[in-house]
Amino acid sequence: MYLPKRKGLIIVCLLAVVQSIARFAIPLSLSTMGGPVLDNPVSDEMMMFINGMFYLLGALGFITAFGLWTQKRWGYFGTLVLSAATIVFDVWAIVTVQSSAAMGIVLPALFMIYLFLIRRDFQEGGK
């Protein structure tokens, strides 16, 4: 399936890449500060889990952004699933660790809204 790329889709892909870069940069920058600056202190094991989730979400974000950029159905569905998983992770983080995790919900929510609006582009037969 090839359709001309919508400007909104280009923006979503670029923002997804920026968010993925941030998912790698945040734990790396926190590790150079002599430890995380969190609202609620966590154990080393919990911090490893949080950092691992950041890296996993970041890596999957690059993959799904590529799929979306190339207008593959798996990229569309992968972005929806990854956005939902990111929202769930960030809601958990808001409740248990850090209130600023709410910022991580904004882009995935916008991605999901936009992708639902253009879902026909990714249906089996296209438009």
N, C-alpha and C. Protein backbone atom coordinates (compact mmCIF):
# COMPACT_ATOMS: atom_id res chain seq x y z
N MET A 1 0.84 -1.17 0.00
CA MET A 1 0.00 0.00 0.00
C MET A 1 0.89 1.23 0.00
N TYR A 2 0.63 2.12 -0.95
CA TYR A 2 1.33 3.39 -0.91
C TYR A 2 0.33 4.51 -1.05
N LEU A 3 0.33 5.37 -0.09
CA LEU A 3 -0.46 6.60 -0.11
C LEU A 3 0.51 7.74 0.12
N PRO A 4 0.24 8.89 -0.46
CA PRO A 4 1.10 10.04 -0.13
C PRO A 4 1.09 10.25 1.38
N LYS A 5 2.25 10.53 1.93
CA LYS A 5 2.36 10.68 3.38
C LYS A 5 1.65 11.96 3.82
N ARG A 6 0.78 11.82 4.80
CA ARG A 6 0.11 12.98 5.37
C ARG A 6 1.10 13.77 6.21
N LYS A 7 0.93 15.07 6.24
CA LYS A 7 1.80 15.91 7.07
C LYS A 7 1.70 15.51 8.54
N GLY A 8 0.48 15.19 8.97
CA GLY A 8 0.30 14.77 10.36
C GLY A 8 1.07 13.51 10.68
N LEU A 9 1.12 12.57 9.73
CA LEU A 9 1.86 11.33 9.93
C LEU A 9 3.36 11.60 10.03
N ILE A 10 3.84 12.52 9.22
CA ILE A 10 5.25 12.90 9.28
C ILE A 10 5.56 13.49 10.65
N ILE A 11 4.68 14.34 11.14
CA ILE A 11 4.88 14.96 12.46
C ILE A 11 4.87 13.90 13.55
N VAL A 12 3.93 12.96 13.48
CA VAL A 12 3.86 11.89 14.48
C VAL A 12 5.15 11.08 14.47
N CYS A 13 5.64 10.74 13.28
CA CYS A 13 6.89 9.96 13.19
C CYS A 13 8.07 10.73 13.79
N LEU A 14 8.17 11.99 13.47
CA LEU A 14 9.29 12.79 14.00
C LEU A 14 9.19 12.94 15.51
N LEU A 15 7.98 13.18 16.02
CA LEU A 15 7.80 13.29 17.47
C LEU A 15 8.06 11.96 18.16
N ALA A 16 7.71 10.86 17.51
CA ALA A 16 7.99 9.54 18.08
C ALA A 16 9.49 9.30 18.20
N VAL A 17 10.24 9.75 17.21
CA VAL A 17 11.70 9.62 17.27
C VAL A 17 12.26 10.49 18.38
N VAL A 18 11.76 11.72 18.50
CA VAL A 18 12.21 12.61 19.57
C VAL A 18 11.90 12.00 20.93
N GLN A 19 10.70 11.44 21.07
CA GLN A 19 10.33 10.81 22.34
C GLN A 19 11.23 9.60 22.62
N SER A 20 11.57 8.84 21.59
CA SER A 20 12.45 7.68 21.79
C SER A 20 13.85 8.12 22.21
N ILE A 21 14.33 9.19 21.62
CA ILE A 21 15.63 9.72 22.02
C ILE A 21 15.58 10.14 23.49
N ALA A 22 14.49 10.80 23.87
CA ALA A 22 14.33 11.23 25.27
C ALA A 22 14.28 10.03 26.21
N ARG A 23 13.66 8.93 25.76
CA ARG A 23 13.57 7.74 26.62
C ARG A 23 14.95 7.15 26.88
N PHE A 24 15.90 7.38 25.99
CA PHE A 24 17.28 6.96 26.24
C PHE A 24 18.04 8.02 27.03
N ALA A 25 17.80 9.28 26.72
CA ALA A 25 18.57 10.36 27.33
C ALA A 25 18.25 10.57 28.80
N ILE A 26 16.99 10.40 29.17
CA ILE A 26 16.61 10.69 30.56
C ILE A 26 17.34 9.79 31.56
N PRO A 27 17.29 8.46 31.41
CA PRO A 27 18.03 7.66 32.41
C PRO A 27 19.54 7.86 32.33
N LEU A 28 20.05 8.12 31.13
CA LEU A 28 21.49 8.36 31.02
C LEU A 28 21.89 9.65 31.72
N SER A 29 21.09 10.69 31.56
CA SER A 29 21.43 11.96 32.21
C SER A 29 21.24 11.87 33.72
N LEU A 30 20.23 11.13 34.18
CA LEU A 30 20.03 10.97 35.62
C LEU A 30 21.18 10.21 36.27
N SER A 31 21.74 9.27 35.54
CA SER A 31 22.84 8.48 36.11
C SER A 31 24.10 9.31 36.29
N THR A 32 24.25 10.39 35.54
CA THR A 32 25.43 11.25 35.69
C THR A 32 25.24 12.29 36.80
N MET A 33 24.02 12.39 37.34
CA MET A 33 23.74 13.38 38.39
C MET A 33 24.01 12.81 39.79
N GLY A 34 24.56 11.65 39.87
CA GLY A 34 24.82 11.06 41.18
C GLY A 34 23.58 10.39 41.76
N GLY A 35 22.69 9.98 40.90
CA GLY A 35 21.48 9.31 41.36
C GLY A 35 20.24 10.06 40.91
N PRO A 36 19.14 9.36 40.89
CA PRO A 36 17.92 9.98 40.40
C PRO A 36 17.35 11.00 41.39
N VAL A 37 16.71 12.00 40.84
CA VAL A 37 16.03 12.99 41.66
C VAL A 37 14.54 12.69 41.52
N LEU A 38 14.02 11.90 42.46
CA LEU A 38 12.64 11.45 42.38
C LEU A 38 11.82 11.98 43.54
N ASP A 39 10.51 12.13 43.32
CA ASP A 39 9.61 12.53 44.40
C ASP A 39 9.62 11.50 45.51
N ASN A 40 9.57 10.23 45.13
CA ASN A 40 9.56 9.12 46.08
C ASN A 40 10.80 8.25 45.84
N PRO A 41 11.65 8.11 46.83
CA PRO A 41 12.85 7.28 46.65
C PRO A 41 12.46 5.83 46.33
N VAL A 42 13.27 5.19 45.49
CA VAL A 42 13.02 3.81 45.12
C VAL A 42 14.29 3.00 45.34
N SER A 43 14.11 1.69 45.40
CA SER A 43 15.26 0.79 45.57
C SER A 43 16.07 0.74 44.28
N ASP A 44 17.27 0.21 44.40
CA ASP A 44 18.12 0.05 43.21
C ASP A 44 17.45 -0.87 42.18
N GLU A 45 16.79 -1.91 42.66
CA GLU A 45 16.11 -2.83 41.75
C GLU A 45 14.97 -2.14 41.00
N MET A 46 14.22 -1.31 41.71
CA MET A 46 13.13 -0.58 41.08
C MET A 46 13.68 0.41 40.06
N MET A 47 14.79 1.05 40.40
CA MET A 47 15.41 1.99 39.46
C MET A 47 15.89 1.26 38.21
N MET A 48 16.40 0.05 38.38
CA MET A 48 16.82 -0.74 37.21
C MET A 48 15.60 -1.07 36.35
N PHE A 49 14.48 -1.41 36.97
CA PHE A 49 13.25 -1.68 36.23
C PHE A 49 12.80 -0.44 35.46
N ILE A 50 12.79 0.70 36.14
CA ILE A 50 12.36 1.95 35.49
C ILE A 50 13.27 2.28 34.31
N ASN A 51 14.58 2.21 34.52
CA ASN A 51 15.52 2.49 33.43
C ASN A 51 15.35 1.49 32.29
N GLY A 52 15.16 0.22 32.63
CA GLY A 52 14.94 -0.79 31.60
C GLY A 52 13.69 -0.50 30.78
N MET A 53 12.64 -0.07 31.45
CA MET A 53 11.41 0.29 30.73
C MET A 53 11.64 1.49 29.82
N PHE A 54 12.38 2.47 30.31
CA PHE A 54 12.71 3.63 29.46
C PHE A 54 13.42 3.16 28.20
N TYR A 55 14.45 2.31 28.36
CA TYR A 55 15.21 1.84 27.20
C TYR A 55 14.35 0.98 26.27
N LEU A 56 13.53 0.11 26.84
CA LEU A 56 12.65 -0.74 26.03
C LEU A 56 11.65 0.10 25.24
N LEU A 57 10.99 1.03 25.91
CA LEU A 57 10.03 1.90 25.23
C LEU A 57 10.72 2.75 24.16
N GLY A 58 11.94 3.20 24.46
CA GLY A 58 12.69 3.98 23.48
C GLY A 58 13.05 3.17 22.25
N ALA A 59 13.55 1.96 22.46
CA ALA A 59 13.93 1.10 21.33
C ALA A 59 12.72 0.73 20.49
N LEU A 60 11.63 0.34 21.15
CA LEU A 60 10.42 0.00 20.41
C LEU A 60 9.84 1.21 19.70
N GLY A 61 10.03 2.38 20.27
CA GLY A 61 9.57 3.61 19.63
C GLY A 61 10.27 3.86 18.30
N PHE A 62 11.58 3.60 18.25
CA PHE A 62 12.30 3.75 16.97
C PHE A 62 11.76 2.76 15.94
N ILE A 63 11.52 1.54 16.36
CA ILE A 63 11.04 0.51 15.44
C ILE A 63 9.66 0.85 14.91
N THR A 64 8.75 1.22 15.80
CA THR A 64 7.39 1.52 15.34
C THR A 64 7.34 2.81 14.53
N ALA A 65 8.20 3.78 14.85
CA ALA A 65 8.25 5.01 14.06
C ALA A 65 8.69 4.69 12.63
N PHE A 66 9.64 3.78 12.49
CA PHE A 66 10.06 3.36 11.15
C PHE A 66 8.90 2.70 10.40
N GLY A 67 8.19 1.80 11.08
CA GLY A 67 7.05 1.14 10.46
C GLY A 67 5.96 2.12 10.06
N LEU A 68 5.74 3.11 10.89
CA LEU A 68 4.74 4.13 10.58
C LEU A 68 5.21 5.00 9.42
N TRP A 69 6.48 5.35 9.42
CA TRP A 69 7.06 6.18 8.35
C TRP A 69 6.92 5.48 7.00
N THR A 70 7.14 4.18 7.01
CA THR A 70 7.04 3.41 5.76
C THR A 70 5.60 2.97 5.48
N GLN A 71 4.68 3.43 6.31
CA GLN A 71 3.24 3.20 6.17
C GLN A 71 2.87 1.72 6.17
N LYS A 72 3.51 0.99 7.05
CA LYS A 72 3.19 -0.43 7.23
C LYS A 72 2.09 -0.57 8.28
N ARG A 73 1.23 -1.54 8.07
CA ARG A 73 0.15 -1.77 9.05
C ARG A 73 0.72 -2.10 10.42
N TRP A 74 1.81 -2.89 10.45
CA TRP A 74 2.39 -3.24 11.74
C TRP A 74 2.93 -2.00 12.45
N GLY A 75 3.38 -1.01 11.69
CA GLY A 75 3.84 0.24 12.29
C GLY A 75 2.69 1.00 12.93
N TYR A 76 1.54 0.98 12.24
CA TYR A 76 0.35 1.63 12.77
C TYR A 76 -0.11 0.96 14.06
N PHE A 77 -0.30 -0.36 14.00
CA PHE A 77 -0.77 -1.08 15.19
C PHE A 77 0.29 -1.09 16.28
N GLY A 78 1.55 -1.21 15.90
CA GLY A 78 2.63 -1.17 16.89
C GLY A 78 2.68 0.16 17.62
N THR A 79 2.47 1.24 16.90
CA THR A 79 2.47 2.56 17.53
C THR A 79 1.30 2.70 18.49
N LEU A 80 0.13 2.18 18.10
CA LEU A 80 -1.02 2.22 19.00
C LEU A 80 -0.75 1.43 20.28
N VAL A 81 -0.22 0.22 20.13
CA VAL A 81 0.04 -0.63 21.30
C VAL A 81 1.14 -0.01 22.16
N LEU A 82 2.20 0.47 21.53
CA LEU A 82 3.29 1.08 22.28
C LEU A 82 2.83 2.35 22.99
N SER A 83 2.00 3.13 22.34
CA SER A 83 1.47 4.34 22.98
C SER A 83 0.64 3.98 24.20
N ALA A 84 -0.20 2.96 24.07
CA ALA A 84 -1.01 2.51 25.21
C ALA A 84 -0.11 2.01 26.34
N ALA A 85 0.91 1.24 26.01
CA ALA A 85 1.84 0.72 27.02
C ALA A 85 2.59 1.86 27.70
N THR A 86 2.97 2.86 26.93
CA THR A 86 3.66 4.02 27.49
C THR A 86 2.77 4.76 28.46
N ILE A 87 1.50 4.93 28.10
CA ILE A 87 0.56 5.60 28.98
C ILE A 87 0.39 4.82 30.28
N VAL A 88 0.26 3.50 30.17
CA VAL A 88 0.11 2.67 31.37
C VAL A 88 1.36 2.79 32.25
N PHE A 89 2.53 2.71 31.66
CA PHE A 89 3.78 2.84 32.42
C PHE A 89 3.87 4.20 33.10
N ASP A 90 3.52 5.26 32.37
CA ASP A 90 3.62 6.59 32.94
C ASP A 90 2.58 6.84 34.03
N VAL A 91 1.39 6.28 33.88
CA VAL A 91 0.39 6.40 34.95
C VAL A 91 0.90 5.70 36.21
N TRP A 92 1.47 4.50 36.04
CA TRP A 92 2.06 3.80 37.18
C TRP A 92 3.15 4.67 37.81
N ALA A 93 3.99 5.28 36.98
CA ALA A 93 5.08 6.10 37.50
C ALA A 93 4.55 7.33 38.23
N ILE A 94 3.47 7.92 37.74
CA ILE A 94 2.87 9.08 38.42
C ILE A 94 2.43 8.69 39.82
N VAL A 95 1.77 7.54 39.91
CA VAL A 95 1.20 7.10 41.18
C VAL A 95 2.28 6.67 42.16
N THR A 96 3.32 6.01 41.69
CA THR A 96 4.28 5.40 42.62
C THR A 96 5.61 6.13 42.75
N VAL A 97 6.03 6.86 41.73
CA VAL A 97 7.40 7.36 41.75
C VAL A 97 7.50 8.88 41.59
N GLN A 98 6.96 9.42 40.52
CA GLN A 98 7.27 10.79 40.14
C GLN A 98 6.10 11.44 39.44
N SER A 99 5.62 12.54 39.97
CA SER A 99 4.47 13.22 39.38
C SER A 99 4.79 13.80 38.00
N SER A 100 6.04 14.11 37.73
CA SER A 100 6.39 14.68 36.43
C SER A 100 6.30 13.66 35.30
N ALA A 101 6.07 12.40 35.63
CA ALA A 101 5.89 11.38 34.59
C ALA A 101 4.65 11.66 33.75
N ALA A 102 3.79 12.54 34.24
CA ALA A 102 2.58 12.91 33.48
C ALA A 102 2.94 13.50 32.12
N MET A 103 4.10 14.10 32.01
CA MET A 103 4.53 14.66 30.72
C MET A 103 4.68 13.58 29.67
N GLY A 104 5.00 12.37 30.11
CA GLY A 104 5.19 11.27 29.17
C GLY A 104 3.91 10.75 28.56
N ILE A 105 2.78 11.20 29.05
CA ILE A 105 1.48 10.74 28.54
C ILE A 105 1.02 11.56 27.35
N VAL A 106 1.47 12.79 27.26
CA VAL A 106 0.94 13.73 26.27
C VAL A 106 1.14 13.23 24.83
N LEU A 107 2.36 12.96 24.43
CA LEU A 107 2.60 12.55 23.05
C LEU A 107 1.92 11.22 22.69
N PRO A 108 2.04 10.18 23.50
CA PRO A 108 1.35 8.94 23.14
C PRO A 108 -0.17 9.13 22.99
N ALA A 109 -0.76 9.95 23.85
CA ALA A 109 -2.20 10.19 23.73
C ALA A 109 -2.51 10.90 22.42
N LEU A 110 -1.70 11.89 22.06
CA LEU A 110 -1.91 12.58 20.78
C LEU A 110 -1.68 11.64 19.60
N PHE A 111 -0.67 10.77 19.70
CA PHE A 111 -0.44 9.79 18.63
C PHE A 111 -1.68 8.92 18.43
N MET A 112 -2.22 8.43 19.53
CA MET A 112 -3.38 7.54 19.43
C MET A 112 -4.59 8.26 18.82
N ILE A 113 -4.84 9.47 19.25
CA ILE A 113 -5.96 10.24 18.70
C ILE A 113 -5.78 10.42 17.20
N TYR A 114 -4.59 10.86 16.79
CA TYR A 114 -4.36 11.09 15.36
C TYR A 114 -4.46 9.79 14.57
N LEU A 115 -3.86 8.74 15.07
CA LEU A 115 -3.90 7.46 14.34
C LEU A 115 -5.32 6.92 14.22
N PHE A 116 -6.14 7.12 15.22
CA PHE A 116 -7.54 6.71 15.10
C PHE A 116 -8.24 7.52 14.02
N LEU A 117 -7.87 8.78 13.89
CA LEU A 117 -8.49 9.63 12.87
C LEU A 117 -8.13 9.20 11.44
N ILE A 118 -6.93 8.65 11.26
CA ILE A 118 -6.50 8.25 9.90
C ILE A 118 -6.49 6.73 9.73
N ARG A 119 -7.21 6.03 10.56
CA ARG A 119 -7.17 4.56 10.55
C ARG A 119 -7.50 3.97 9.18
N ARG A 120 -8.31 4.63 8.38
CA ARG A 120 -8.66 4.10 7.06
C ARG A 120 -7.44 3.94 6.16
N ASP A 121 -6.44 4.79 6.37
CA ASP A 121 -5.21 4.67 5.57
C ASP A 121 -4.50 3.36 5.82
N PHE A 122 -4.75 2.73 6.96
CA PHE A 122 -4.03 1.52 7.34
C PHE A 122 -4.93 0.29 7.37
N GLN A 123 -6.16 0.42 6.89
CA GLN A 123 -7.02 -0.74 6.81
C GLN A 123 -6.55 -1.63 5.67
N GLU A 124 -7.05 -2.84 5.64
CA GLU A 124 -6.58 -3.87 4.71
C GLU A 124 -6.47 -3.36 3.28
N GLY A 125 -7.48 -2.72 2.76
CA GLY A 125 -7.46 -2.28 1.36
C GLY A 125 -7.03 -0.85 1.15
N GLY A 126 -6.63 -0.17 2.19
CA GLY A 126 -6.30 1.25 2.05
C GLY A 126 -7.58 2.06 1.92
N LYS A 127 -7.51 3.18 1.22
CA LYS A 127 -8.69 4.04 1.04
C LYS A 127 -9.65 3.48 0.03
